[in-house]
C-alpha atoms as a PDB file:
ATOM      1  CA  MET A   1     -19.141 -83.496 -53.092  1.00  0.00           C
ATOM      2  CA  LYS A   2     -19.839 -86.310 -50.650  1.00  0.00           C
ATOM      3  CA  GLU A   3     -20.092 -89.887 -51.881  1.00  0.00           C
ATOM      4  CA  VAL A   4     -21.889 -92.558 -49.862  1.00  0.00           C
ATOM      5  CA  ASP A   5     -21.126 -96.140 -50.866  1.00  0.00           C
ATOM      6  CA  PHE A   6     -24.248 -98.245 -50.195  1.00  0.00           C
ATOM      7  CA  ALA A   7     -22.225-101.131 -48.742  1.00  0.00           C
ATOM      8  CA  ASP A   8     -20.571 -98.801 -46.210  1.00  0.00           C
ATOM      9  CA  ALA A   9     -23.564 -96.568 -45.443  1.00  0.00           C
ATOM     10  CA  GLU A  10     -25.009 -96.261 -41.954  1.00  0.00           C
ATOM     11  CA  SER A  11     -27.880 -98.710 -41.562  1.00  0.00           C
ATOM     12  CA  TYR A  12     -30.474 -99.446 -38.949  1.00  0.00           C
ATOM     13  CA  GLU A  13     -32.856-102.398 -38.517  1.00  0.00           C
ATOM     14  CA  PRO A  14     -35.766-101.319 -36.265  1.00  0.00           C
ATOM     15  CA  ASP A  15     -37.475-104.730 -36.678  1.00  0.00           C
ATOM     16  CA  GLU A  16     -36.350-107.999 -38.226  1.00  0.00           C
ATOM     17  CA  GLY A  17     -36.427-107.564 -42.005  1.00  0.00           C
ATOM     18  CA  TRP A  18     -37.189-103.827 -41.840  1.00  0.00           C
ATOM     19  CA  ARG A  19     -33.875-102.224 -42.701  1.00  0.00           C
ATOM     20  CA  ARG A  20     -33.099 -98.582 -43.392  1.00  0.00           C
ATOM     21  CA  VAL A  21     -29.905 -97.276 -45.036  1.00  0.00           C
ATOM     22  CA  SER A  22     -28.870 -93.621 -44.873  1.00  0.00           C
ATOM     23  CA  LEU A  23     -27.785 -92.326 -48.282  1.00  0.00           C
ATOM     24  CA  ALA A  24     -26.201 -89.012 -49.272  1.00  0.00           C
ATOM     25  CA  GLY A  25     -27.937 -85.976 -47.841  1.00  0.00           C
ATOM     26  CA  SER A  26     -27.551 -82.865 -45.733  1.00  0.00           C
ATOM     27  CA  GLU A  27     -29.305 -80.909 -43.011  1.00  0.00           C
ATOM     28  CA  LYS A  28     -31.696 -79.669 -45.712  1.00  0.00           C
ATOM     29  CA  PHE A  29     -32.748 -83.140 -46.929  1.00  0.00           C
ATOM     30  CA  THR A  30     -31.891 -86.810 -46.442  1.00  0.00           C
ATOM     31  CA  PHE A  31     -32.482 -89.983 -48.426  1.00  0.00           C
ATOM     32  CA  GLU A  32     -33.190 -93.323 -46.744  1.00  0.00           C
ATOM     33  CA  TRP A  33     -33.389 -96.586 -48.699  1.00  0.00           C
ATOM     34  CA  PHE A  34     -35.524 -99.155 -46.924  1.00  0.00           C
ATOM     35  CA  GLU A  35     -36.874-102.676 -47.213  1.00  0.00           C
ATOM     36  CA  LYS A  36     -39.881-104.247 -45.484  1.00  0.00           C
ATOM     37  CA  PRO A  37     -40.957-107.897 -45.392  1.00  0.00           C
ATOM     38  CA  PRO A  38     -44.529-108.831 -46.351  1.00  0.00           C
ATOM     39  CA  GLY A  39     -47.041-107.831 -43.691  1.00  0.00           C
ATOM     40  CA  HIS A  40     -44.695-105.493 -41.841  1.00  0.00           C
ATOM     41  CA  SER A  41     -45.998-102.090 -40.763  1.00  0.00           C
ATOM     42  CA  SER A  42     -44.232 -99.201 -39.130  1.00  0.00           C
ATOM     43  CA  PRO A  43     -46.063 -97.854 -36.086  1.00  0.00           C
ATOM     44  CA  MET A  44     -48.313 -94.825 -36.545  1.00  0.00           C
ATOM     45  CA  HIS A  45     -45.959 -91.879 -36.076  1.00  0.00           C
ATOM     46  CA  ASP A  46     -45.297 -88.309 -37.109  1.00  0.00           C
ATOM     47  CA  HIS A  47     -42.261 -86.052 -37.447  1.00  0.00           C
ATOM     48  CA  GLY A  48     -41.620 -82.448 -38.355  1.00  0.00           C
ATOM     49  CA  ASN A  49     -40.018 -83.445 -41.655  1.00  0.00           C
ATOM     50  CA  GLU A  50     -41.909 -83.431 -44.929  1.00  0.00           C
ATOM     51  CA  GLN A  51     -41.563 -86.861 -46.524  1.00  0.00           C
ATOM     52  CA  VAL A  52     -41.759 -88.316 -50.004  1.00  0.00           C
ATOM     53  CA  CYS A  53     -41.963 -92.109 -50.209  1.00  0.00           C
ATOM     54  CA  LEU A  54     -41.102 -93.729 -53.555  1.00  0.00           C
ATOM     55  CA  VAL A  55     -41.714 -97.465 -54.091  1.00  0.00           C
ATOM     56  CA  LEU A  56     -38.890 -99.193 -55.978  1.00  0.00           C
ATOM     57  CA  GLU A  57     -40.118-102.798 -55.632  1.00  0.00           C
ATOM     58  CA  GLY A  58     -43.262-104.434 -54.321  1.00  0.00           C
ATOM     59  CA  GLU A  59     -46.307-102.759 -52.806  1.00  0.00           C
ATOM     60  CA  LEU A  60     -46.720-100.377 -49.893  1.00  0.00           C
ATOM     61  CA  THR A  61     -49.865 -98.947 -48.352  1.00  0.00           C
ATOM     62  CA  ILE A  62     -49.537 -95.616 -46.574  1.00  0.00           C
ATOM     63  CA  TYR A  63     -52.157 -94.866 -43.935  1.00  0.00           C
ATOM     64  CA  THR A  64     -52.878 -91.451 -42.441  1.00  0.00           C
ATOM     65  CA  GLU A  65     -55.576 -90.573 -39.924  1.00  0.00           C
ATOM     66  CA  ASP A  66     -57.937 -89.668 -42.780  1.00  0.00           C
ATOM     67  CA  ASP A  67     -56.843 -91.654 -45.828  1.00  0.00           C
ATOM     68  CA  GLU A  68     -54.894 -94.540 -47.295  1.00  0.00           C
ATOM     69  CA  VAL A  69     -53.191 -95.148 -50.615  1.00  0.00           C
ATOM     70  CA  THR A  70     -51.589 -98.282 -52.054  1.00  0.00           C
ATOM     71  CA  LEU A  71     -48.493 -97.690 -54.148  1.00  0.00           C
ATOM     72  CA  GLY A  72     -46.848 -99.983 -56.673  1.00  0.00           C
ATOM     73  CA  ARG A  73     -43.475 -99.800 -58.354  1.00  0.00           C
ATOM     74  CA  TYR A  74     -42.365 -96.205 -59.051  1.00  0.00           C
ATOM     75  CA  ASP A  75     -45.467 -94.698 -57.409  1.00  0.00           C
ATOM     76  CA  SER A  76     -44.883 -92.062 -54.748  1.00  0.00           C
ATOM     77  CA  VAL A  77     -46.681 -90.100 -52.059  1.00  0.00           C
ATOM     78  CA  TRP A  78     -45.938 -86.834 -50.236  1.00  0.00           C
ATOM     79  CA  LEU A  79     -46.621 -86.455 -46.507  1.00  0.00           C
ATOM     80  CA  ASP A  80     -46.732 -83.087 -44.803  1.00  0.00           C
ATOM     81  CA  GLY A  81     -44.578 -82.460 -41.734  1.00  0.00           C
ATOM     82  CA  ASP A  82     -46.304 -83.597 -38.515  1.00  0.00           C
ATOM     83  CA  GLU A  83     -48.859 -85.671 -40.477  1.00  0.00           C
ATOM     84  CA  PRO A  84     -49.433 -88.951 -38.569  1.00  0.00           C
ATOM     85  CA  HIS A  85     -48.863 -91.972 -40.815  1.00  0.00           C
ATOM     86  CA  ARG A  86     -47.722 -95.563 -41.025  1.00  0.00           C
ATOM     87  CA  VAL A  87     -46.317 -97.578 -43.919  1.00  0.00           C
ATOM     88  CA  GLU A  88     -47.240-101.245 -44.440  1.00  0.00           C
ATOM     89  CA  ASN A  89     -46.042-103.822 -46.939  1.00  0.00           C
ATOM     90  CA  THR A  90     -49.425-105.113 -48.093  1.00  0.00           C
ATOM     91  CA  GLY A  91     -47.945-107.247 -50.865  1.00  0.00           C
ATOM     92  CA  ASP A  92     -46.712-110.838 -50.915  1.00  0.00           C
ATOM     93  CA  GLU A  93     -43.044-110.005 -51.550  1.00  0.00           C
ATOM     94  CA  ARG A  94     -40.365-107.806 -50.016  1.00  0.00           C
ATOM     95  CA  ALA A  95     -40.978-104.117 -50.620  1.00  0.00           C
ATOM     96  CA  VAL A  96     -38.154-101.669 -51.268  1.00  0.00           C
ATOM     97  CA  GLY A  97     -38.521 -97.916 -51.148  1.00  0.00           C
ATOM     98  CA  LEU A  98     -36.766 -94.603 -50.908  1.00  0.00           C
ATOM     99  CA  ASP A  99     -37.775 -91.950 -48.390  1.00  0.00           C
ATOM    100  CA  VAL A 100     -36.751 -88.323 -48.806  1.00  0.00           C
ATOM    101  CA  PHE A 101     -37.006 -86.067 -45.742  1.00  0.00           C
ATOM    102  CA  ALA A 102     -36.869 -82.264 -45.637  1.00  0.00           C
ATOM    103  CA  PRO A 103     -35.322 -80.967 -43.529  1.00  0.00           C
ATOM    104  CA  GLY A 104     -32.902 -83.851 -43.138  1.00  0.00           C
ATOM    105  CA  ARG A 105     -32.921 -86.197 -40.179  1.00  0.00           C
ATOM    106  CA  SER A 106     -30.877 -89.031 -38.688  1.00  0.00           C
ATOM    107  CA  PHE A 107     -31.768 -92.465 -37.341  1.00  0.00           C
ATOM    108  CA  ASP A 108     -32.123 -90.795 -33.930  1.00  0.00           C
ATOM    109  CA  PHE A 109     -35.790 -90.424 -34.806  1.00  0.00           C
ATOM    110  CA  TRP A 110     -36.187 -94.195 -34.339  1.00  0.00           C
ATOM    111  CA  THR A 111     -33.487 -94.923 -31.775  1.00  0.00           C
ATOM    112  CA  ASP A 112     -34.472 -92.117 -29.358  1.00  0.00           C
ATOM    113  CA  ARG A 113     -38.251 -92.480 -29.532  1.00  0.00           C
ATOM    114  CA  GLU A 114     -40.332 -93.799 -26.682  1.00  0.00           C
ATOM    115  CA  GLU A 115     -42.755 -96.593 -27.514  1.00  0.00           C
END
């Protein structure tokens, strides 16, 4: 068993107000809690990991090259590995979500990427 205390978990803030926290996971899957301020969007990106995004608070719109979906509290979406996407807080309040990645990944995805 491996416990991860939220207050002590590894965190990363790619942009002001967009914070990600690494929760318990393994090489097979990882969980990342995140928050986004209103109007914030991640850049269009892709990764080899399958991803499930679950909205815990607020509203998020997920855009792919072919589609978009707006999620409210407790709604979720699955993204295939290598599927280009971006996630935007299209609501008026802070959005909070949980991303699950399979296989697991680290914050190196963001810190090592070239803009």
